[in-house]
Amino acid sequence: MTDHKEVLISVDVETSGPIPGEYSMLSIGACLVSDPAQTFACELKPTSGNAVPEALAVSGLSLEELARTGLDPVDAMSSFAAWVGSVAGTGEPVFVGFNAPFDWSFVNYYFHRYTGSNPFGFAALDIKALWMGITGCSWADTRSSSIASAVESRLVGDHDALHDALYQADLLRLMLAMRSDGGPSLSTSDPSR
């Protein structure tokens, strides 16, 4: 095995509905887990008029407003890929999400559709699943509020993609700090795996 640097990047998205292709990704927020001052955020033009009213209500985003002010998806994903490359440097970027399968599905779809490749590769780290592994809790106990209480996070999520990415990064840092197994740091992988 080779020793290589893994760069954990917390990513959150807001969307107009539950699945990519049929619904639009409306905003992206991201930050380095190890250095949350390093951030990326953008809002995107919708790719369709399809929307679940509850999804828009949660985020407070408007399809009509984003059609005027959002970035074209090609530009948004190209900018995001460039940012990921710049913060990862020669390391391997690792997508980190809270309920990562949801956010990952949109990010992966948009990267492949609009840029041809995904700088994160084909995998993602899910904070909820990691919490289950660390604590042995049930799935029901992986709500962000439960984790935040257990790790004593001072941040809160508010459905703003960048704020939520920062919140997720804080949860992950605190979770990793409480581990007692001496596992890898935030920036370097374990060469024995």
Protein backbone atom coordinates (compact mmCIF):
# COMPACT_ATOMS: atom_id res chain seq x y z
CA MET A 1 0.00 0.00 0.00
CA THR A 2 1.12 3.54 -0.67
CA ASP A 3 0.90 6.36 1.80
CA HIS A 4 -1.15 9.17 0.30
CA LYS A 5 -2.80 12.30 1.54
CA GLU A 6 -6.59 12.27 1.76
CA VAL A 7 -8.28 15.66 1.77
CA LEU A 8 -11.70 15.55 3.44
CA ILE A 9 -14.15 18.03 1.89
CA SER A 10 -17.57 18.59 3.46
CA VAL A 11 -20.22 19.13 0.79
CA ASP A 12 -23.89 20.05 1.09
CA VAL A 13 -26.44 20.82 -1.61
CA GLU A 14 -29.94 22.20 -1.79
CA THR A 15 -32.20 20.86 -4.52
CA SER A 16 -35.68 21.25 -5.99
CA GLY A 17 -36.58 17.60 -5.36
CA PRO A 18 -35.43 14.10 -4.49
CA ILE A 19 -33.54 12.88 -7.57
CA PRO A 20 -31.04 14.32 -10.05
CA GLY A 21 -31.99 14.53 -13.70
CA GLU A 22 -35.63 15.17 -12.96
CA TYR A 23 -35.01 17.87 -10.35
CA SER A 24 -32.36 20.58 -10.12
CA MET A 25 -29.42 21.11 -7.83
CA LEU A 26 -29.89 24.72 -6.71
CA SER A 27 -26.91 25.42 -4.47
CA ILE A 28 -23.60 23.89 -3.42
CA GLY A 29 -21.62 24.62 -0.28
CA ALA A 30 -18.28 23.04 0.57
CA CYS A 31 -15.36 23.47 2.95
CA LEU A 32 -12.21 21.67 3.94
CA VAL A 33 -12.86 19.63 7.07
CA SER A 34 -9.37 20.39 8.38
CA ASP A 35 -9.53 24.12 7.50
CA PRO A 36 -13.15 25.33 7.34
CA ALA A 37 -12.01 28.83 6.31
CA GLN A 38 -11.38 27.27 2.87
CA THR A 39 -14.88 27.40 1.34
CA PHE A 40 -16.77 27.17 -1.93
CA ALA A 41 -20.38 28.22 -2.54
CA CYS A 42 -22.56 28.90 -5.55
CA GLU A 43 -26.16 28.90 -6.69
CA LEU A 44 -27.15 27.30 -9.99
CA LYS A 45 -29.72 27.96 -12.67
CA PRO A 46 -32.45 25.28 -12.52
CA THR A 47 -32.29 22.70 -15.29
CA SER A 48 -36.06 22.19 -15.27
CA GLY A 49 -39.19 23.70 -13.76
CA ASN A 50 -39.81 20.58 -11.69
CA ALA A 51 -39.96 21.23 -7.97
CA VAL A 52 -41.32 19.74 -4.79
CA PRO A 53 -42.80 22.71 -2.90
CA GLU A 54 -41.50 21.41 0.44
CA ALA A 55 -37.93 21.26 -0.92
CA LEU A 56 -38.09 24.91 -1.98
CA ALA A 57 -39.72 25.92 1.31
CA VAL A 58 -36.92 24.27 3.31
CA SER A 59 -34.15 26.05 1.41
CA GLY A 60 -35.98 29.31 0.77
CA LEU A 61 -34.68 29.25 -2.81
CA SER A 62 -36.76 30.34 -5.81
CA LEU A 63 -36.54 28.73 -9.25
CA GLU A 64 -37.51 32.02 -10.87
CA GLU A 65 -34.84 34.01 -9.03
CA LEU A 66 -32.16 31.38 -9.68
CA ALA A 67 -33.07 31.33 -13.39
CA ARG A 68 -31.97 35.00 -13.41
CA THR A 69 -29.08 34.96 -10.95
CA GLY A 70 -27.73 31.41 -10.75
CA LEU A 71 -24.67 30.12 -12.56
CA ASP A 72 -25.08 27.93 -15.60
CA PRO A 73 -24.47 24.32 -14.42
CA VAL A 74 -21.39 23.98 -16.68
CA ASP A 75 -19.83 27.07 -15.10
CA ALA A 76 -20.84 26.07 -11.57
CA MET A 77 -19.42 22.56 -11.84
CA SER A 78 -16.26 23.73 -13.61
CA SER A 79 -15.68 26.25 -10.81
CA PHE A 80 -16.37 23.63 -8.14
CA ALA A 81 -13.98 21.16 -9.79
CA ALA A 82 -11.28 23.86 -9.97
CA TRP A 83 -11.78 24.68 -6.27
CA VAL A 84 -11.61 20.99 -5.29
CA GLY A 85 -8.40 20.65 -7.28
CA SER A 86 -6.87 23.74 -5.71
CA VAL A 87 -7.59 22.73 -2.10
CA ALA A 88 -6.72 19.06 -2.63
CA GLY A 89 -3.44 19.82 -4.37
CA THR A 90 -1.66 16.51 -4.87
CA GLY A 91 -3.92 14.78 -2.34
CA GLU A 92 -7.01 12.70 -2.96
CA PRO A 93 -10.24 14.68 -2.42
CA VAL A 94 -12.78 12.76 -0.33
CA PHE A 95 -16.44 13.82 -0.52
CA VAL A 96 -17.95 14.02 2.98
CA GLY A 97 -21.67 14.47 3.51
CA PHE A 98 -24.37 14.18 6.10
CA ASN A 99 -26.66 11.66 4.47
CA ALA A 100 -24.04 11.57 1.74
CA PRO A 101 -26.04 9.36 -0.66
CA PHE A 102 -28.46 12.23 -1.31
CA ASP A 103 -25.93 15.04 -1.81
CA TRP A 104 -23.52 12.69 -3.60
CA SER A 105 -26.15 11.66 -6.15
CA PHE A 106 -26.67 15.25 -7.29
CA VAL A 107 -22.99 16.24 -7.24
CA ASN A 108 -21.92 13.10 -9.08
CA TYR A 109 -24.67 13.48 -11.69
CA TYR A 110 -23.90 17.16 -12.29
CA PHE A 111 -20.13 16.61 -12.50
CA HIS A 112 -20.51 13.84 -15.07
CA ARG A 113 -23.23 15.56 -17.05
CA TYR A 114 -21.64 19.01 -17.19
CA THR A 115 -17.88 18.42 -16.94
CA GLY A 116 -17.43 14.78 -17.93
CA SER A 117 -15.80 13.61 -14.69
CA ASN A 118 -16.07 13.80 -10.92
CA PRO A 119 -12.92 14.94 -9.05
CA PHE A 120 -14.08 12.94 -6.02
CA GLY A 121 -14.00 9.68 -7.96
CA PHE A 122 -16.81 7.25 -7.28
CA ALA A 123 -17.16 7.17 -3.49
CA ALA A 124 -18.28 9.32 -0.55
CA LEU A 125 -17.93 9.26 3.23
CA ASP A 126 -21.27 9.40 5.05
CA ILE A 127 -21.15 11.06 8.48
CA LYS A 128 -24.30 9.26 9.65
CA ALA A 129 -22.87 5.82 8.86
CA LEU A 130 -19.54 6.75 10.44
CA TRP A 131 -21.36 7.81 13.63
CA MET A 132 -23.07 4.41 13.75
CA GLY A 133 -19.66 2.75 13.42
CA ILE A 134 -18.04 4.89 16.10
CA THR A 135 -20.85 4.62 18.64
CA GLY A 136 -22.78 1.47 17.75
CA CYS A 137 -26.01 3.53 17.83
CA SER A 138 -29.14 2.86 15.81
CA TRP A 139 -29.93 4.62 12.54
CA ALA A 140 -32.62 6.63 14.37
CA ASP A 141 -29.88 8.08 16.58
CA THR A 142 -27.93 9.52 13.63
CA ARG A 143 -29.97 12.72 13.37
CA SER A 144 -27.68 15.74 13.21
CA SER A 145 -29.19 17.15 16.41
CA SER A 146 -28.39 13.92 18.28
CA ILE A 147 -24.82 13.86 17.01
CA ALA A 148 -24.35 17.58 17.68
CA SER A 149 -25.50 17.11 21.26
CA ALA A 150 -23.19 14.13 21.81
CA VAL A 151 -20.09 15.83 20.38
CA GLU A 152 -21.00 19.27 21.76
CA SER A 153 -21.00 21.14 18.46
CA ARG A 154 -21.71 24.85 18.72
CA LEU A 155 -22.88 25.15 15.11
CA VAL A 156 -26.35 24.45 13.69
CA GLY A 157 -27.64 23.54 10.26
CA ASP A 158 -30.06 25.92 8.56
CA HIS A 159 -30.46 24.59 4.98
CA ASP A 160 -28.02 27.12 3.55
CA ALA A 161 -25.60 24.85 1.65
CA LEU A 162 -22.41 26.55 2.86
CA HIS A 163 -23.61 26.84 6.47
CA ASP A 164 -24.56 23.17 6.43
CA ALA A 165 -21.20 22.15 4.94
CA LEU A 166 -19.47 24.02 7.78
CA TYR A 167 -21.78 22.38 10.33
CA GLN A 168 -21.08 18.92 8.89
CA ALA A 169 -17.33 19.56 8.96
CA ASP A 170 -17.58 20.56 12.62
CA LEU A 171 -19.50 17.39 13.46
CA LEU A 172 -16.92 15.25 11.68
CA ARG A 173 -13.94 16.95 13.34
CA LEU A 174 -15.52 16.48 16.76
CA MET A 175 -16.44 12.86 16.00
CA LEU A 176 -12.91 12.03 14.89
CA ALA A 177 -11.44 13.79 17.94
CA MET A 178 -13.45 11.55 20.26
CA ARG A 179 -12.19 8.32 18.70
CA SER A 180 -9.90 6.34 20.93
CA ASP A 181 -8.37 4.08 18.28
CA GLY A 182 -5.61 6.43 17.18
CA GLY A 183 -6.87 6.36 13.59
CA PRO A 184 -5.72 8.59 10.75
CA SER A 185 -5.70 12.36 11.02
CA LEU A 186 -7.92 14.61 8.93
CA SER A 187 -5.32 14.97 6.20
CA THR A 188 -3.42 11.71 5.95
CA SER A 189 -4.59 8.21 5.28
CA ASP A 190 -3.58 5.15 7.24
CA PRO A 191 -0.89 3.42 5.15
CA SER A 192 -1.87 0.01 6.56
CA ARG A 193 -5.26 -0.10 4.89
